[in-house]
Amino acid sequence: MESTQSSEQNSQSLAAGRSANITFSGKAGEFFGIWIVNLLLSIITLGIYSAWATVRTRQYFYGHTKIEQQSFHYLASPIQILKGRIIAVIVFALFFIASSLSPVAAIILAVLFTLVSPLLIVLSLKFNMRMSRYRNVRFAFHGNYLGAFTYFILLPAFSVLSLYLALPWALKKIDQYICSNISFGGQKMQVNTEPGPYYVAALIAMAAIFGLIFALVIIAAITAGIIGMSDIGSSGNAEVWALLITGSIMVIYFLGFALSGAIYHVYVRNYLFERTTLPGIASFQSKMKVMPYLMLIITNLLAIIFSLGLAYPWAKVRKAAYLASVTSLTIYPQADYLVDEQQSESQAFAEEAVGLFDIDISIA
């Protein structure tokens, strides 16, 4: 009897799953060496090496992202991506030639590209998922053209027509479309999101912008009053004060949009991860906070600007490490017995052809 109860307790414990954190072990110095070589060789080869640069970068970040000491792997070869980039260069060249010869042809090509872009998005997601592996099990994407056309063309157009009142709803539908079509080991993700939290995040983000704009107006009015009541305007320092005020306005303006972006990203990411599961395999948690993420964005941008771009590897590694540190999973027993699916190669060339467009769609 006791052994039966013990067995049931162990079974319940296993069914409850185990907690796991995502870790990122990349180092800025290591990635700087990869990045600078990628940059120089891409310039020397007139962009040809950029396919190798893309693969090396993704392999580095995948390889240093781990769950339970098991790293992810990026399996694409540079030649696969290079083929797509050659095709896309030809397409863009034809577009510019046609544009210079005939405005009508340019409009027709623009419409055609709009119609084709959902297919490129789908193929890009299929390719990148198929080239991503964890514990010898690949990811997959099951979306189709009609779904991509609906969510990436029709819904954004409807958002514009609604004066952006439908935009949070459209963004929610896009996130749901992407996540619900991702599978791992044959199990598709399930997403249970509602529009409400997206609207709340958008309203809070807008309130942050308007709050900072209001503060900016008050500060500008007080400053103008002080200058008008004093002799600063006639002392020859008016230009200096005008420059300082303009600079202050630009800084506050930037901070307002950075803050609103951070608020929206944090709230939506936390909510989306909470409502997304791989049934029987894993559930996800995100614990991002607004101020740490805002400071990350601002300091990364300032470092890149003042280093003339040389701090880009440091900023990229730093962001990856932060996102990993605030993300965790609950892993269920079925995850230990997954077997890789047979991946269809019938559309391999078509998927490679989107490499140049580098459609990077992320929910992180």
Protein backbone atom coordinates (compact mmCIF):
# COMPACT_ATOMS: atom_id res chain seq x y z
CA MET A 1 0.00 0.00 0.00
CA GLU A 2 2.78 2.40 0.95
CA SER A 3 4.71 1.56 -2.20
CA THR A 4 1.59 2.25 -4.29
CA GLN A 5 1.13 5.66 -2.64
CA SER A 6 4.82 6.43 -3.10
CA SER A 7 4.58 5.48 -6.77
CA GLU A 8 1.55 7.74 -7.23
CA GLN A 9 3.33 10.62 -5.49
CA ASN A 10 6.38 10.20 -7.73
CA SER A 11 4.15 10.08 -10.80
CA GLN A 12 2.39 13.28 -9.74
CA SER A 13 5.73 14.93 -9.03
CA LEU A 14 7.02 14.05 -12.49
CA ALA A 15 3.78 15.17 -14.13
CA ALA A 16 4.17 18.53 -12.40
CA GLY A 17 7.37 19.12 -14.32
CA ARG A 18 10.67 20.64 -13.30
CA SER A 19 11.85 24.23 -13.41
CA ALA A 20 14.69 25.25 -15.70
CA ASN A 21 16.38 28.55 -16.46
CA ILE A 22 17.72 29.73 -19.79
CA THR A 23 21.37 30.72 -19.59
CA PHE A 24 23.54 32.64 -22.03
CA SER A 25 27.32 32.18 -21.71
CA GLY A 26 28.51 34.37 -24.58
CA LYS A 27 31.25 36.93 -23.96
CA ALA A 28 31.55 40.34 -25.56
CA GLY A 29 35.27 39.87 -26.27
CA GLU A 30 34.70 36.55 -28.01
CA PHE A 31 31.87 37.84 -30.16
CA PHE A 32 33.80 41.01 -31.00
CA GLY A 33 36.45 38.87 -32.69
CA ILE A 34 33.80 37.08 -34.75
CA TRP A 35 31.95 40.30 -35.55
CA ILE A 36 34.98 42.32 -36.69
CA VAL A 37 36.20 39.52 -38.97
CA ASN A 38 32.68 39.13 -40.38
CA LEU A 39 32.47 42.87 -41.03
CA LEU A 40 35.86 43.18 -42.70
CA LEU A 41 35.42 40.11 -44.90
CA SER A 42 31.91 41.20 -45.90
CA ILE A 43 33.30 44.57 -47.01
CA ILE A 44 36.27 43.05 -48.86
CA THR A 45 34.06 40.52 -50.69
CA LEU A 46 31.38 43.13 -51.51
CA GLY A 47 28.83 41.38 -49.31
CA ILE A 48 29.40 37.80 -50.46
CA TYR A 49 30.84 36.78 -47.09
CA SER A 50 27.74 38.14 -45.31
CA ALA A 51 26.11 34.71 -45.70
CA TRP A 52 28.98 33.16 -43.72
CA ALA A 53 28.79 36.05 -41.26
CA THR A 54 25.09 35.38 -40.64
CA VAL A 55 25.69 31.68 -39.99
CA ARG A 56 28.68 32.28 -37.72
CA THR A 57 26.75 34.85 -35.68
CA ARG A 58 23.69 32.65 -35.27
CA GLN A 59 25.80 29.61 -34.44
CA TYR A 60 27.58 31.61 -31.72
CA PHE A 61 24.37 32.84 -30.09
CA TYR A 62 22.58 29.52 -30.45
CA GLY A 63 25.56 27.62 -29.08
CA HIS A 64 25.83 29.83 -26.00
CA THR A 65 22.11 29.68 -25.21
CA LYS A 66 21.42 26.69 -22.98
CA ILE A 67 18.64 24.96 -21.09
CA GLU A 68 19.77 22.43 -18.50
CA GLN A 69 23.31 22.65 -19.87
CA GLN A 70 22.11 21.65 -23.35
CA SER A 71 22.75 24.23 -26.04
CA PHE A 72 20.77 25.09 -29.15
CA HIS A 73 22.25 24.54 -32.61
CA TYR A 74 21.86 26.45 -35.87
CA LEU A 75 22.23 24.05 -38.80
CA ALA A 76 22.04 26.20 -41.93
CA SER A 77 25.03 26.35 -44.26
CA PRO A 78 26.28 29.63 -45.73
CA ILE A 79 25.74 28.36 -49.28
CA GLN A 80 22.02 27.93 -48.58
CA ILE A 81 21.74 31.56 -47.53
CA LEU A 82 24.05 32.81 -50.31
CA LYS A 83 21.80 31.29 -53.00
CA GLY A 84 18.85 33.23 -51.67
CA ARG A 85 20.81 36.47 -51.50
CA ILE A 86 21.96 36.15 -55.10
CA ILE A 87 18.34 35.66 -56.20
CA ALA A 88 17.18 38.66 -54.18
CA VAL A 89 19.97 40.91 -55.52
CA ILE A 90 18.78 40.09 -59.03
CA VAL A 91 15.17 40.82 -58.06
CA PHE A 92 16.07 44.18 -56.49
CA ALA A 93 18.21 45.11 -59.48
CA LEU A 94 15.34 44.40 -61.86
CA PHE A 95 13.02 46.45 -59.65
CA PHE A 96 15.27 49.52 -59.73
CA ILE A 97 15.85 49.18 -63.47
CA ALA A 98 12.10 48.94 -64.08
CA SER A 99 11.47 51.90 -61.77
CA SER A 100 13.85 54.10 -63.71
CA LEU A 101 12.32 53.11 -67.05
CA SER A 102 8.63 53.22 -66.18
CA PRO A 103 6.76 54.48 -63.08
CA VAL A 104 3.86 52.19 -64.01
CA ALA A 105 6.18 49.17 -64.01
CA ALA A 106 7.49 50.24 -60.60
CA ILE A 107 3.94 50.35 -59.19
CA ILE A 108 3.13 46.94 -60.65
CA LEU A 109 6.32 45.45 -59.18
CA ALA A 110 5.60 47.06 -55.81
CA VAL A 111 2.14 45.47 -55.78
CA LEU A 112 3.62 42.12 -56.79
CA PHE A 113 6.21 42.35 -54.03
CA THR A 114 3.45 43.12 -51.51
CA LEU A 115 1.61 40.00 -52.66
CA VAL A 116 4.76 37.87 -52.54
CA SER A 117 6.05 39.16 -49.18
CA PRO A 118 3.77 36.89 -47.08
CA LEU A 119 5.23 33.89 -48.89
CA LEU A 120 8.75 35.13 -48.12
CA ILE A 121 7.82 35.50 -44.45
CA VAL A 122 6.42 31.97 -44.28
CA LEU A 123 9.40 30.43 -46.08
CA SER A 124 11.82 32.37 -43.89
CA LEU A 125 10.14 31.13 -40.73
CA LYS A 126 10.04 27.57 -42.08
CA PHE A 127 13.73 27.69 -42.99
CA ASN A 128 14.94 29.20 -39.70
CA MET A 129 12.80 26.87 -37.60
CA ARG A 130 13.97 23.83 -39.56
CA MET A 131 17.56 24.95 -39.09
CA SER A 132 17.12 25.31 -35.31
CA ARG A 133 17.72 22.27 -33.10
CA TYR A 134 17.70 21.46 -29.41
CA ARG A 135 18.68 18.04 -28.04
CA ASN A 136 18.78 16.68 -31.61
CA VAL A 137 15.14 17.69 -32.15
CA ARG A 138 14.35 20.36 -34.72
CA PHE A 139 11.72 23.05 -34.62
CA ALA A 140 9.21 23.50 -37.44
CA PHE A 141 6.81 26.16 -38.69
CA HIS A 142 3.44 25.18 -40.17
CA GLY A 143 2.04 28.49 -41.38
CA ASN A 144 0.86 29.00 -44.96
CA TYR A 145 0.56 31.85 -47.46
CA LEU A 146 -3.09 32.61 -46.78
CA GLY A 147 -2.51 32.98 -43.06
CA ALA A 148 0.57 35.16 -43.56
CA PHE A 149 -1.29 37.35 -46.07
CA THR A 150 -4.13 37.81 -43.59
CA TYR A 151 -1.96 38.62 -40.58
CA PHE A 152 0.90 40.55 -42.18
CA ILE A 153 -0.93 42.44 -44.95
CA LEU A 154 -4.68 42.66 -44.29
CA LEU A 155 -4.59 43.24 -40.52
CA PRO A 156 -1.96 46.04 -40.65
CA ALA A 157 -3.95 47.67 -43.46
CA PHE A 158 -7.12 47.44 -41.37
CA SER A 159 -5.22 48.98 -38.43
CA VAL A 160 -4.33 52.00 -40.54
CA LEU A 161 -7.94 52.37 -41.73
CA SER A 162 -9.12 52.22 -38.11
CA LEU A 163 -6.75 55.09 -37.27
CA TYR A 164 -4.61 52.54 -35.42
CA LEU A 165 -7.35 51.74 -32.92
CA ALA A 166 -7.18 48.10 -34.04
CA LEU A 167 -3.38 47.95 -33.95
CA PRO A 168 -3.01 46.21 -30.55
CA TRP A 169 -5.55 43.61 -31.66
CA ALA A 170 -3.67 43.11 -34.95
CA LEU A 171 -0.34 42.72 -33.11
CA LYS A 172 -1.95 40.17 -30.81
CA LYS A 173 -3.20 38.18 -33.81
CA ILE A 174 0.25 38.29 -35.45
CA ASP A 175 1.97 37.00 -32.29
CA GLN A 176 -0.64 34.28 -31.96
CA TYR A 177 -0.26 33.26 -35.62
CA ILE A 178 3.52 32.92 -35.34
CA CYS A 179 3.60 31.09 -32.00
CA SER A 180 0.69 28.72 -32.69
CA ASN A 181 2.36 27.52 -35.89
CA ILE A 182 5.69 26.64 -34.26
CA SER A 183 6.19 23.01 -33.28
CA PHE A 184 8.92 21.08 -31.49
CA GLY A 185 9.15 17.31 -31.71
CA GLY A 186 5.81 17.18 -33.51
CA GLN A 187 3.93 19.12 -30.82
CA LYS A 188 2.55 22.53 -31.84
CA MET A 189 2.54 25.44 -29.43
CA GLN A 190 -0.77 26.51 -27.95
CA VAL A 191 -1.42 30.21 -27.39
CA ASN A 192 -4.28 31.52 -25.27
CA THR A 193 -4.05 35.31 -25.48
CA GLU A 194 -6.71 38.03 -25.34
CA PRO A 195 -6.64 41.54 -26.87
CA GLY A 196 -7.16 43.26 -23.49
CA PRO A 197 -3.57 43.09 -22.19
CA TYR A 198 -2.26 44.35 -25.55
CA TYR A 199 -4.53 47.39 -25.29
CA VAL A 200 -3.50 47.96 -21.67
CA ALA A 201 0.18 47.82 -22.66
CA ALA A 202 -0.43 50.23 -25.54
CA LEU A 203 -2.38 52.68 -23.35
CA ILE A 204 0.32 52.66 -20.64
CA ALA A 205 2.98 53.21 -23.30
CA MET A 206 1.03 56.13 -24.77
CA ALA A 207 0.47 57.59 -21.32
CA ALA A 208 4.23 57.53 -20.75
CA ILE A 209 4.81 59.47 -23.98
CA PHE A 210 2.15 62.09 -23.23
CA GLY A 211 3.41 62.41 -19.66
CA LEU A 212 6.94 63.17 -20.82
CA ILE A 213 5.65 65.56 -23.50
CA PHE A 214 3.65 67.41 -20.84
CA ALA A 215 6.73 67.59 -18.62
CA LEU A 216 8.71 68.84 -21.61
CA VAL A 217 6.21 71.65 -22.25
CA ILE A 218 6.31 72.72 -18.58
CA ILE A 219 10.11 72.71 -18.50
CA ALA A 220 10.31 74.66 -21.77
CA ALA A 221 7.80 77.23 -20.52
CA ILE A 222 9.63 77.71 -17.21
CA THR A 223 12.98 77.99 -18.98
CA ALA A 224 11.62 80.52 -21.47
CA GLY A 225 10.16 82.53 -18.61
CA ILE A 226 13.47 82.58 -16.74
CA ILE A 227 15.33 83.64 -19.88
CA GLY A 228 12.76 86.35 -20.63
CA MET A 229 12.91 87.80 -17.11
CA SER A 230 16.69 87.89 -17.02
CA ASP A 231 19.35 89.48 -19.16
CA ILE A 232 20.51 86.14 -20.59
CA GLY A 233 18.85 86.83 -23.92
CA SER A 234 20.81 90.07 -24.36
CA SER A 235 24.11 88.86 -23.00
CA GLY A 236 25.26 87.08 -26.11
CA ASN A 237 24.50 83.64 -24.67
CA ALA A 238 21.09 83.30 -26.33
CA GLU A 239 22.44 80.89 -28.96
CA VAL A 240 23.99 78.69 -26.29
CA TRP A 241 20.73 78.58 -24.35
CA ALA A 242 18.77 77.84 -27.52
CA LEU A 243 21.14 74.95 -28.26
CA LEU A 244 20.82 73.59 -24.72
CA ILE A 245 17.03 73.80 -24.82
CA THR A 246 16.90 72.09 -28.22
CA GLY A 247 19.22 69.36 -26.99
CA SER A 248 17.14 68.85 -23.87
CA ILE A 249 13.96 68.58 -25.94
CA MET A 250 15.57 65.95 -28.18
CA VAL A 251 16.78 63.95 -25.17
CA ILE A 252 13.37 63.97 -23.48
CA TYR A 253 11.70 63.12 -26.80
CA PHE A 254 14.00 60.11 -27.22
CA LEU A 255 13.48 59.02 -23.61
CA GLY A 256 9.73 59.19 -24.08
CA PHE A 257 9.72 56.85 -27.04
CA ALA A 258 12.32 54.57 -25.46
CA LEU A 259 10.22 54.34 -22.30
CA SER A 260 7.00 53.65 -24.21
CA GLY A 261 8.72 50.98 -26.30
CA ALA A 262 10.16 49.33 -23.21
CA ILE A 263 6.78 49.34 -21.45
CA TYR A 264 5.00 47.76 -24.39
CA HIS A 265 7.71 45.15 -25.02
CA VAL A 266 7.93 44.12 -21.37
CA TYR A 267 4.20 43.83 -20.74
CA VAL A 268 3.45 42.00 -23.98
CA ARG A 269 6.41 39.61 -23.73
CA ASN A 270 5.59 38.64 -20.15
CA TYR A 271 1.93 38.09 -21.03
CA LEU A 272 2.64 36.16 -24.25
CA PHE A 273 5.11 33.81 -22.58
CA GLU A 274 2.67 33.20 -19.72
CA ARG A 275 -0.08 32.20 -22.17
CA THR A 276 2.06 30.04 -24.49
CA THR A 277 2.76 26.34 -23.90
CA LEU A 278 4.12 23.29 -25.65
CA PRO A 279 1.52 20.83 -24.33
CA GLY A 280 3.13 18.00 -22.40
CA ILE A 281 6.60 19.40 -23.13
CA ALA A 282 7.08 22.85 -21.59
CA SER A 283 5.48 26.05 -20.40
CA PHE A 284 7.24 29.42 -20.37
CA GLN A 285 7.72 32.32 -18.00
CA SER A 286 9.11 35.79 -18.63
CA LYS A 287 9.98 38.15 -15.77
CA MET A 288 11.09 41.28 -17.59
CA LYS A 289 10.90 44.63 -15.78
CA VAL A 290 10.53 48.00 -17.42
CA MET A 291 13.32 50.04 -15.83
CA PRO A 292 16.12 47.45 -16.19
CA TYR A 293 15.13 46.89 -19.82
CA LEU A 294 14.92 50.63 -20.47
CA MET A 295 18.38 51.18 -19.00
CA LEU A 296 19.68 48.31 -21.14
CA ILE A 297 18.29 49.93 -24.30
CA ILE A 298 19.62 53.39 -23.48
CA THR A 299 23.10 52.34 -22.37
CA ASN A 300 23.49 50.00 -25.34
CA LEU A 301 22.52 52.76 -27.76
CA LEU A 302 24.81 55.33 -26.13
CA ALA A 303 27.71 52.87 -26.14
CA ILE A 304 27.21 52.14 -29.86
CA ILE A 305 26.99 55.86 -30.72
CA PHE A 306 30.02 57.00 -28.73
CA SER A 307 32.14 54.03 -29.84
CA LEU A 308 31.22 54.67 -33.49
CA GLY A 309 29.67 51.22 -33.69
CA LEU A 310 32.48 49.24 -32.09
CA ALA A 311 30.38 48.51 -29.01
CA TYR A 312 27.75 46.70 -31.08
CA PRO A 313 29.02 43.19 -30.11
CA TRP A 314 29.01 44.17 -26.44
CA ALA A 315 25.45 45.51 -26.72
CA LYS A 316 24.19 42.43 -28.58
CA VAL A 317 25.74 40.01 -26.07
CA ARG A 318 24.44 42.09 -23.18
CA LYS A 319 20.88 42.05 -24.50
CA ALA A 320 20.98 38.30 -25.14
CA ALA A 321 22.25 37.69 -21.62
CA TYR A 322 19.50 39.85 -20.12
CA LEU A 323 16.70 38.19 -22.09
CA ALA A 324 17.98 34.76 -21.06
CA SER A 325 18.21 35.79 -17.41
CA VAL A 326 14.53 36.79 -17.25
CA THR A 327 13.23 33.70 -19.06
CA SER A 328 12.50 30.32 -17.51
CA LEU A 329 10.57 27.15 -18.30
CA THR A 330 8.71 24.33 -16.66
CA ILE A 331 9.75 21.14 -18.43
CA TYR A 332 7.44 18.11 -18.41
CA PRO A 333 8.43 14.42 -18.65
CA GLN A 334 7.48 14.03 -22.33
CA ALA A 335 10.28 16.42 -23.25
CA ASP A 336 12.87 13.77 -22.38
CA TYR A 337 11.49 11.30 -24.93
CA LEU A 338 11.06 13.44 -28.03
CA VAL A 339 12.26 12.17 -31.40
CA ASP A 340 13.12 14.40 -34.34
CA GLU A 341 10.55 14.53 -37.10
CA GLN A 342 11.41 13.87 -40.71
CA GLN A 343 11.80 17.31 -42.26
CA SER A 344 10.50 17.67 -45.80
CA GLU A 345 13.10 18.86 -48.29
CA SER A 346 10.61 19.55 -51.09
CA GLN A 347 10.74 23.33 -50.56
CA ALA A 348 14.38 23.57 -49.53
CA PHE A 349 15.44 25.77 -52.47
CA ALA A 350 12.47 28.08 -52.05
CA GLU A 351 13.29 28.49 -48.36
CA GLU A 352 16.93 29.20 -49.15
CA ALA A 353 15.84 31.90 -51.58
CA VAL A 354 14.57 34.10 -48.75
CA GLY A 355 17.99 34.28 -47.12
CA LEU A 356 18.88 37.67 -48.53
CA PHE A 357 15.72 39.29 -47.24
CA ASP A 358 16.79 38.30 -43.69
CA ILE A 359 13.22 38.52 -42.43
CA ASP A 360 13.96 38.33 -38.72
CA ILE A 361 10.66 37.83 -36.92
CA SER A 362 11.05 37.43 -33.19
CA ILE A 363 8.86 37.30 -30.17
CA ALA A 364 11.73 37.81 -27.74
